[in-house]
Amino acid sequence: MNSFSVIIPALNEEANIDSAVRSVIKAVSGLVADYEIIVVDDGSSDETGKIAARLAHELPNLTVVHNSVNMGVGHSLLRGFRVASKQFVTCFPGDNDMAWQSLRNILAAGGNTDLVISYIADNRHRSLVRRLLSSSFVGLLNVVFALRLKYYNGPFVFPRHKLVNLDVKSDGLGIISECIVKLIKAEGCTYTQVPFEHIGRKAGKSTALSRKSIASVMRSLMLLVVDIYMKPKRTHGSDADRASRSTRSP
């Protein structure tokens, strides 16, 4: 039976972190017997860290690690990868803006292919600007890396042993897309695409459209191009071979 480490990166999510942890527990209940939840408090200036620590005393499967200062979601996920001990690694948003049933579906697909890559089934909860930027980003990555993915920044399932030696350079929102591209293009991983329901955060404001976040994503993209196309790499067969071994949702 598959085991899972669920990483929850959180920055100033005092109003959401409790419900996010409870959502993960609902998702794994009756489906995953062997799991751990890792909350990474990314230097929060509110009560996020204290609330998560209190929950860790109540819940035996919950571990909390604290960044002394805000390091970014990429750094937090990488720290979660290092702490993780289970067979597969996934994540859940600290603002609890994804339906817990969607995480359950993503976990259920784990193990059928090397990776599970999720995409938004209905993005009406997001602003028009964010939808346009997101679709442009997906289109750009698909062209640059000759892929046909529907989304690059959603919750995922990665095999932990594949992450151990992966050279990840992103320290922001680009980390998931970097991992996906490298695992497919450089490691030859197969994948399944699964939809998830975006329900929107209940409190607080997203920083995804900040200048810092956008600049970090573009920097990550440039470094990814260099790593994929300008550095020697192992071969795992042609793109066509990989595509034939990949499973996509209808």
Protein backbone atom coordinates (compact mmCIF):
# COMPACT_ATOMS: atom_id res chain seq x y z
CA MET A 1 0.00 0.00 0.00
CA ASN A 2 1.28 3.48 -0.87
CA SER A 3 2.38 5.84 1.89
CA PHE A 4 2.22 9.63 1.60
CA SER A 5 3.85 12.71 3.05
CA VAL A 6 1.53 15.72 2.72
CA ILE A 7 3.35 19.06 2.90
CA ILE A 8 1.42 22.20 3.83
CA PRO A 9 3.46 25.39 3.28
CA ALA A 10 1.94 28.28 5.21
CA LEU A 11 2.69 31.98 5.51
CA ASN A 12 0.42 34.06 7.75
CA GLU A 13 -2.47 31.64 7.50
CA GLU A 14 -3.73 31.80 11.08
CA ALA A 15 -7.33 31.87 9.87
CA ASN A 16 -6.88 28.93 7.49
CA ILE A 17 -4.20 26.53 8.76
CA ASP A 18 -6.46 24.58 11.14
CA SER A 19 -9.04 23.95 8.42
CA ALA A 20 -6.28 23.04 5.94
CA VAL A 21 -4.95 20.34 8.28
CA ARG A 22 -8.49 19.05 8.89
CA SER A 23 -9.06 18.91 5.13
CA VAL A 24 -6.01 16.70 4.67
CA ILE A 25 -7.21 14.36 7.41
CA LYS A 26 -10.59 14.06 5.67
CA ALA A 27 -8.84 13.32 2.37
CA VAL A 28 -6.71 10.47 3.72
CA SER A 29 -9.36 8.97 6.00
CA GLY A 30 -10.20 5.45 4.89
CA LEU A 31 -7.89 5.75 1.88
CA VAL A 32 -4.33 6.04 3.21
CA ALA A 33 -3.27 4.19 6.32
CA ASP A 34 0.37 5.29 6.35
CA TYR A 35 0.70 9.07 6.07
CA GLU A 36 2.26 12.12 7.67
CA ILE A 37 1.36 15.80 7.48
CA ILE A 38 4.21 18.30 7.49
CA VAL A 39 3.31 21.95 8.09
CA VAL A 40 6.10 24.32 7.10
CA ASP A 41 5.55 27.66 8.82
CA ASP A 42 7.37 30.08 6.52
CA GLY A 43 8.39 32.71 9.05
CA SER A 44 4.81 33.81 9.72
CA SER A 45 4.33 37.04 11.66
CA ASP A 46 0.89 35.99 12.93
CA GLU A 47 -0.25 32.97 14.97
CA THR A 48 0.18 30.39 12.19
CA GLY A 49 3.17 28.70 13.83
CA LYS A 50 1.55 28.54 17.27
CA ILE A 51 -1.70 27.12 15.90
CA ALA A 52 0.19 24.49 13.91
CA ALA A 53 2.27 23.57 16.97
CA ARG A 54 -0.91 23.16 19.03
CA LEU A 55 -2.36 20.88 16.37
CA ALA A 56 0.83 18.80 16.40
CA HIS A 57 0.23 18.04 20.09
CA GLU A 58 -3.25 16.79 19.24
CA LEU A 59 -2.48 14.88 16.03
CA PRO A 60 0.20 12.16 16.08
CA ASN A 61 0.69 12.24 12.29
CA LEU A 62 1.43 15.97 12.20
CA THR A 63 4.92 17.51 12.25
CA VAL A 64 5.63 21.24 12.21
CA VAL A 65 8.85 22.90 11.08
CA HIS A 66 9.47 26.63 11.27
CA ASN A 67 11.50 28.86 8.98
CA SER A 68 13.02 31.58 11.15
CA VAL A 69 12.30 34.14 8.40
CA ASN A 70 10.11 34.13 5.30
CA MET A 71 11.96 32.08 2.68
CA GLY A 72 9.26 31.59 0.04
CA VAL A 73 7.00 28.71 -0.92
CA GLY A 74 9.72 27.00 -2.96
CA HIS A 75 12.10 26.88 -0.01
CA SER A 76 9.28 25.66 2.22
CA LEU A 77 8.37 22.83 -0.13
CA LEU A 78 12.03 21.83 -0.44
CA ARG A 79 12.30 21.74 3.33
CA GLY A 80 9.20 19.59 3.41
CA PHE A 81 10.75 17.26 0.82
CA ARG A 82 13.79 16.83 3.08
CA VAL A 83 11.68 16.12 6.17
CA ALA A 84 9.34 13.73 4.35
CA SER A 85 9.78 10.03 5.08
CA LYS A 86 7.02 8.30 3.11
CA GLN A 87 7.01 6.68 -0.33
CA PHE A 88 5.25 9.53 -2.13
CA VAL A 89 5.21 13.28 -1.53
CA THR A 90 2.27 15.60 -2.15
CA CYS A 91 1.11 19.00 -0.93
CA PHE A 92 -1.97 20.90 0.16
CA PRO A 93 -2.42 24.69 0.22
CA GLY A 94 -2.07 26.37 3.59
CA ASP A 95 -4.95 28.69 2.71
CA ASN A 96 -7.24 25.66 2.27
CA ASP A 97 -8.36 26.87 -1.16
CA MET A 98 -8.68 23.37 -2.65
CA ALA A 99 -11.55 20.95 -1.96
CA TRP A 100 -10.42 18.08 0.26
CA GLN A 101 -12.16 15.63 -2.07
CA SER A 102 -9.75 16.73 -4.81
CA LEU A 103 -6.73 15.80 -2.69
CA ARG A 104 -8.36 12.42 -2.10
CA ASN A 105 -8.69 11.90 -5.87
CA ILE A 106 -5.07 12.93 -6.42
CA LEU A 107 -3.85 10.50 -3.75
CA ALA A 108 -6.01 7.70 -5.17
CA ALA A 109 -4.25 8.11 -8.52
CA GLY A 110 -0.80 7.82 -6.92
CA GLY A 111 1.22 4.77 -7.89
CA ASN A 112 -0.48 4.18 -11.24
CA THR A 113 2.19 6.27 -12.98
CA ASP A 114 5.38 7.90 -11.70
CA LEU A 115 3.73 11.30 -11.21
CA VAL A 116 0.28 12.71 -10.63
CA ILE A 117 -0.13 16.24 -12.01
CA SER A 118 -3.29 18.17 -11.20
CA TYR A 119 -5.12 20.92 -13.04
CA ILE A 120 -7.95 23.28 -12.14
CA ALA A 121 -11.33 21.97 -13.25
CA ASP A 122 -13.05 25.36 -12.84
CA ASN A 123 -11.05 28.53 -12.20
CA ARG A 124 -13.94 30.98 -11.82
CA HIS A 125 -12.84 31.74 -8.24
CA ARG A 126 -9.72 33.39 -9.65
CA SER A 127 -9.50 36.87 -11.11
CA LEU A 128 -9.46 37.38 -14.87
CA VAL A 129 -5.87 38.65 -14.70
CA ARG A 130 -4.70 35.57 -12.85
CA ARG A 131 -6.52 33.27 -15.25
CA LEU A 132 -4.91 34.97 -18.24
CA LEU A 133 -1.44 34.87 -16.70
CA SER A 134 -1.86 31.22 -15.75
CA SER A 135 -3.01 30.13 -19.21
CA SER A 136 -0.16 32.08 -20.81
CA PHE A 137 2.35 30.42 -18.50
CA VAL A 138 1.00 26.94 -19.27
CA GLY A 139 1.09 27.63 -22.99
CA LEU A 140 4.64 28.95 -22.81
CA LEU A 141 5.95 25.92 -20.91
CA ASN A 142 4.18 23.50 -23.24
CA VAL A 143 5.82 25.15 -26.26
CA VAL A 144 9.27 25.50 -24.72
CA PHE A 145 9.41 21.93 -23.35
CA ALA A 146 7.27 20.16 -25.98
CA LEU A 147 4.67 18.99 -23.47
CA ARG A 148 0.88 18.97 -23.39
CA LEU A 149 0.06 19.60 -19.75
CA LYS A 150 -3.03 21.43 -18.55
CA TYR A 151 -1.42 23.04 -15.52
CA TYR A 152 1.99 23.22 -13.85
CA ASN A 153 1.45 24.69 -10.38
CA GLY A 154 -1.17 22.46 -8.76
CA PRO A 155 -0.94 19.80 -6.07
CA PHE A 156 1.01 16.76 -7.20
CA VAL A 157 2.24 13.32 -6.28
CA PHE A 158 5.98 12.76 -6.70
CA PRO A 159 7.94 9.64 -5.69
CA ARG A 160 10.21 10.75 -2.86
CA HIS A 161 13.22 8.78 -4.13
CA LYS A 162 13.10 10.80 -7.37
CA LEU A 163 13.29 14.07 -5.44
CA VAL A 164 16.35 13.18 -3.40
CA ASN A 165 18.89 13.99 -6.11
CA LEU A 166 16.81 16.45 -8.13
CA ASP A 167 18.68 19.74 -8.58
CA VAL A 168 15.94 22.26 -7.79
CA LYS A 169 16.76 25.95 -8.09
CA SER A 170 13.36 27.62 -7.63
CA ASP A 171 12.66 29.34 -4.34
CA GLY A 172 9.18 30.57 -5.22
CA LEU A 173 6.00 29.57 -7.04
CA GLY A 174 7.99 28.06 -9.92
CA ILE A 175 9.17 25.09 -7.87
CA ILE A 176 6.36 22.71 -8.82
CA SER A 177 6.66 23.44 -12.54
CA GLU A 178 10.44 23.00 -12.30
CA CYS A 179 10.06 19.62 -10.61
CA ILE A 180 7.44 18.48 -13.12
CA VAL A 181 9.49 19.43 -16.18
CA LYS A 182 12.70 17.91 -14.83
CA LEU A 183 11.03 14.69 -13.72
CA ILE A 184 9.42 14.24 -17.15
CA LYS A 185 12.11 15.55 -19.48
CA ALA A 186 15.28 14.61 -17.60
CA GLU A 187 14.12 11.61 -15.58
CA GLY A 188 11.69 10.07 -18.07
CA CYS A 189 8.80 9.88 -15.61
CA THR A 190 5.31 8.91 -16.72
CA TYR A 191 2.36 10.91 -15.48
CA THR A 192 -1.39 11.10 -14.99
CA GLN A 193 -3.34 14.36 -15.05
CA VAL A 194 -6.17 14.70 -12.51
CA PRO A 195 -8.55 17.66 -12.07
CA PHE A 196 -8.94 19.46 -8.77
CA GLU A 197 -11.58 21.86 -7.49
CA HIS A 198 -10.37 25.32 -6.57
CA ILE A 199 -12.76 26.73 -3.96
CA GLY A 200 -10.95 29.97 -3.09
CA ARG A 201 -9.45 31.04 0.20
CA LYS A 202 -11.82 31.95 3.02
CA ALA A 203 -9.57 34.57 4.61
CA GLY A 204 -6.49 36.61 3.77
CA LYS A 205 -5.04 37.56 0.39
CA SER A 206 -2.91 35.61 -2.06
CA THR A 207 0.54 36.94 -2.98
CA ALA A 208 0.74 34.95 -6.23
CA LEU A 209 0.45 38.08 -8.38
CA SER A 210 3.01 40.16 -6.53
CA ARG A 211 5.96 41.50 -8.54
CA LYS A 212 8.30 39.40 -6.43
CA SER A 213 6.36 36.20 -7.17
CA ILE A 214 6.15 36.86 -10.91
CA ALA A 215 9.84 37.74 -11.12
CA SER A 216 10.72 34.55 -9.22
CA VAL A 217 8.68 32.42 -11.63
CA MET A 218 10.34 33.98 -14.69
CA ARG A 219 13.79 33.49 -13.18
CA SER A 220 12.93 29.85 -12.50
CA LEU A 221 11.81 29.41 -16.11
CA MET A 222 15.07 30.78 -17.47
CA LEU A 223 17.13 28.51 -15.21
CA LEU A 224 14.96 25.56 -16.23
CA VAL A 225 15.62 26.19 -19.91
CA VAL A 226 19.35 26.18 -19.18
CA ASP A 227 19.15 22.95 -17.18
CA ILE A 228 17.02 21.07 -19.72
CA TYR A 229 18.61 22.20 -22.97
CA MET A 230 22.11 23.41 -22.19
CA LYS A 231 23.48 20.88 -19.72
CA PRO A 232 24.46 17.24 -20.34
CA LYS A 233 21.75 14.88 -19.17
CA ARG A 234 20.91 11.21 -19.09
CA THR A 235 18.69 9.88 -21.85
CA HIS A 236 15.49 8.01 -21.12
CA GLY A 237 14.19 7.51 -24.66
CA SER A 238 12.49 9.92 -27.01
CA ASP A 239 9.66 12.32 -26.19
CA ALA A 240 7.37 10.07 -28.23
CA ASP A 241 8.31 7.07 -26.11
CA ARG A 242 7.60 9.01 -22.95
CA ALA A 243 4.29 10.25 -24.30
CA SER A 244 3.21 6.70 -25.13
CA ARG A 245 3.95 5.61 -21.56
CA SER A 246 2.06 8.53 -20.02
CA THR A 247 -1.58 8.38 -19.06
CA ARG A 248 -3.78 11.44 -19.45
CA SER A 249 -7.29 12.05 -18.28
CA PRO A 250 -9.95 12.47 -21.00
